Amino acid sequence: MKRINIDYAGNHYSVGGRDVDELQKEIETIVRSGEPGWLIVNHGEGVPQQARLLITPGVALALLPVDDGGQA
């Protein structure tokens, strides 16, 4: 997996070097805890800047895996 694109509140972010199932479990753990939690992601093109998304129950987000075609 090259990266995972994230759609959060109509804005686009990404995470690199992570497995989509692992990231999904991290988000589920935050939501199940009942306490807000922060997810560190990248924002922007070219040289991405770090951003933090607040994850709470009811927040809408989508994980969109981008396949690297099997390349390392």
C-alpha atoms as a PDB file:
ATOM      1  CA  MET A   1       0.000   0.000   0.000  1.00  0.00           C
ATOM      2  CA  LYS A   2       1.508   3.301  -1.059  1.00  0.00           C
ATOM      3  CA  ARG A   3      -0.881   5.528   0.856  1.00  0.00           C
ATOM      4  CA  ILE A   4      -4.383   5.827   2.245  1.00  0.00           C
ATOM      5  CA  ASN A   5      -6.454   8.829   1.274  1.00  0.00           C
ATOM      6  CA  ILE A   6      -8.887  10.084   3.891  1.00  0.00           C
ATOM      7  CA  ASP A   7     -12.009  12.122   3.250  1.00  0.00           C
ATOM      8  CA  TYR A   8     -12.863  13.961   6.480  1.00  0.00           C
ATOM      9  CA  ALA A   9     -15.550  16.654   6.639  1.00  0.00           C
ATOM     10  CA  GLY A  10     -15.260  17.202   2.902  1.00  0.00           C
ATOM     11  CA  ASN A  11     -11.494  17.757   3.049  1.00  0.00           C
ATOM     12  CA  HIS A  12      -8.811  15.408   1.761  1.00  0.00           C
ATOM     13  CA  TYR A  13      -5.890  14.049   3.751  1.00  0.00           C
ATOM     14  CA  SER A  14      -3.519  11.089   3.413  1.00  0.00           C
ATOM     15  CA  VAL A  15      -1.449   8.644   5.434  1.00  0.00           C
ATOM     16  CA  GLY A  16       1.624   6.902   4.055  1.00  0.00           C
ATOM     17  CA  GLY A  17       3.283   3.623   4.982  1.00  0.00           C
ATOM     18  CA  ARG A  18       0.316   2.229   6.902  1.00  0.00           C
ATOM     19  CA  ASP A  19      -1.938  -0.754   6.364  1.00  0.00           C
ATOM     20  CA  VAL A  20      -5.594   0.203   5.842  1.00  0.00           C
ATOM     21  CA  ASP A  21      -6.825  -2.495   8.253  1.00  0.00           C
ATOM     22  CA  GLU A  22      -4.420  -1.268  10.942  1.00  0.00           C
ATOM     23  CA  LEU A  23      -5.561   2.329  10.474  1.00  0.00           C
ATOM     24  CA  GLN A  24      -9.224   1.273  10.570  1.00  0.00           C
ATOM     25  CA  LYS A  25      -8.648  -0.579  13.857  1.00  0.00           C
ATOM     26  CA  GLU A  26      -6.929   2.490  15.335  1.00  0.00           C
ATOM     27  CA  ILE A  27      -9.937   4.638  14.440  1.00  0.00           C
ATOM     28  CA  GLU A  28     -12.386   2.038  15.773  1.00  0.00           C
ATOM     29  CA  THR A  29     -10.459   1.873  19.062  1.00  0.00           C
ATOM     30  CA  ILE A  30     -10.735   5.646  19.477  1.00  0.00           C
ATOM     31  CA  VAL A  31     -14.471   5.620  18.733  1.00  0.00           C
ATOM     32  CA  ARG A  32     -15.179   2.677  21.052  1.00  0.00           C
ATOM     33  CA  SER A  33     -13.303   4.345  23.915  1.00  0.00           C
ATOM     34  CA  GLY A  34     -15.980   7.060  24.037  1.00  0.00           C
ATOM     35  CA  GLU A  35     -13.237   9.690  24.349  1.00  0.00           C
ATOM     36  CA  PRO A  36     -12.065  11.965  21.518  1.00  0.00           C
ATOM     37  CA  GLY A  37      -8.746  11.049  19.944  1.00  0.00           C
ATOM     38  CA  TRP A  38      -6.386  12.521  17.384  1.00  0.00           C
ATOM     39  CA  LEU A  39      -5.309  10.895  14.138  1.00  0.00           C
ATOM     40  CA  ILE A  40      -2.072  12.235  12.603  1.00  0.00           C
ATOM     41  CA  VAL A  41      -2.330  12.623   8.824  1.00  0.00           C
ATOM     42  CA  ASN A  42      -0.804  14.602   5.950  1.00  0.00           C
ATOM     43  CA  HIS A  43      -2.440  17.540   4.209  1.00  0.00           C
ATOM     44  CA  GLY A  44      -1.470  19.271   0.986  1.00  0.00           C
ATOM     45  CA  GLU A  45       0.274  18.506  -2.283  1.00  0.00           C
ATOM     46  CA  GLY A  46       4.003  18.361  -2.974  1.00  0.00           C
ATOM     47  CA  VAL A  47       5.430  18.755   0.509  1.00  0.00           C
ATOM     48  CA  PRO A  48       2.613  17.601   2.785  1.00  0.00           C
ATOM     49  CA  GLN A  49       2.091  19.249   6.133  1.00  0.00           C
ATOM     50  CA  GLN A  50       1.139  17.299   9.222  1.00  0.00           C
ATOM     51  CA  ALA A  51      -2.448  17.678  10.361  1.00  0.00           C
ATOM     52  CA  ARG A  52      -4.427  16.144  13.205  1.00  0.00           C
ATOM     53  CA  LEU A  53      -7.994  14.995  12.779  1.00  0.00           C
ATOM     54  CA  LEU A  54     -10.240  14.838  15.838  1.00  0.00           C
ATOM     55  CA  ILE A  55     -11.965  11.461  15.899  1.00  0.00           C
ATOM     56  CA  THR A  56     -15.191  11.227  17.889  1.00  0.00           C
ATOM     57  CA  PRO A  57     -18.292   9.018  17.720  1.00  0.00           C
ATOM     58  CA  GLY A  58     -20.418  10.152  14.785  1.00  0.00           C
ATOM     59  CA  VAL A  59     -17.610  11.789  12.811  1.00  0.00           C
ATOM     60  CA  ALA A  60     -17.882  10.943   9.114  1.00  0.00           C
ATOM     61  CA  LEU A  61     -14.724   9.847   7.359  1.00  0.00           C
ATOM     62  CA  ALA A  62     -13.770   7.513   4.554  1.00  0.00           C
ATOM     63  CA  LEU A  63     -10.574   5.506   4.070  1.00  0.00           C
ATOM     64  CA  LEU A  64      -9.571   5.186   0.413  1.00  0.00           C
ATOM     65  CA  PRO A  65      -6.591   2.843  -0.089  1.00  0.00           C
ATOM     66  CA  VAL A  66      -4.354   3.696  -3.059  1.00  0.00           C
ATOM     67  CA  ASP A  67      -2.746   0.530  -4.447  1.00  0.00           C
ATOM     68  CA  ASP A  68       0.865   0.920  -5.530  1.00  0.00           C
ATOM     69  CA  GLY A  69       0.530  -1.869  -8.104  1.00  0.00           C
ATOM     70  CA  GLY A  70       2.646  -4.266  -6.055  1.00  0.00           C
ATOM     71  CA  GLN A  71       5.765  -2.110  -6.222  1.00  0.00           C
ATOM     72  CA  ALA A  72       7.960  -1.809  -3.165  1.00  0.00           C
END
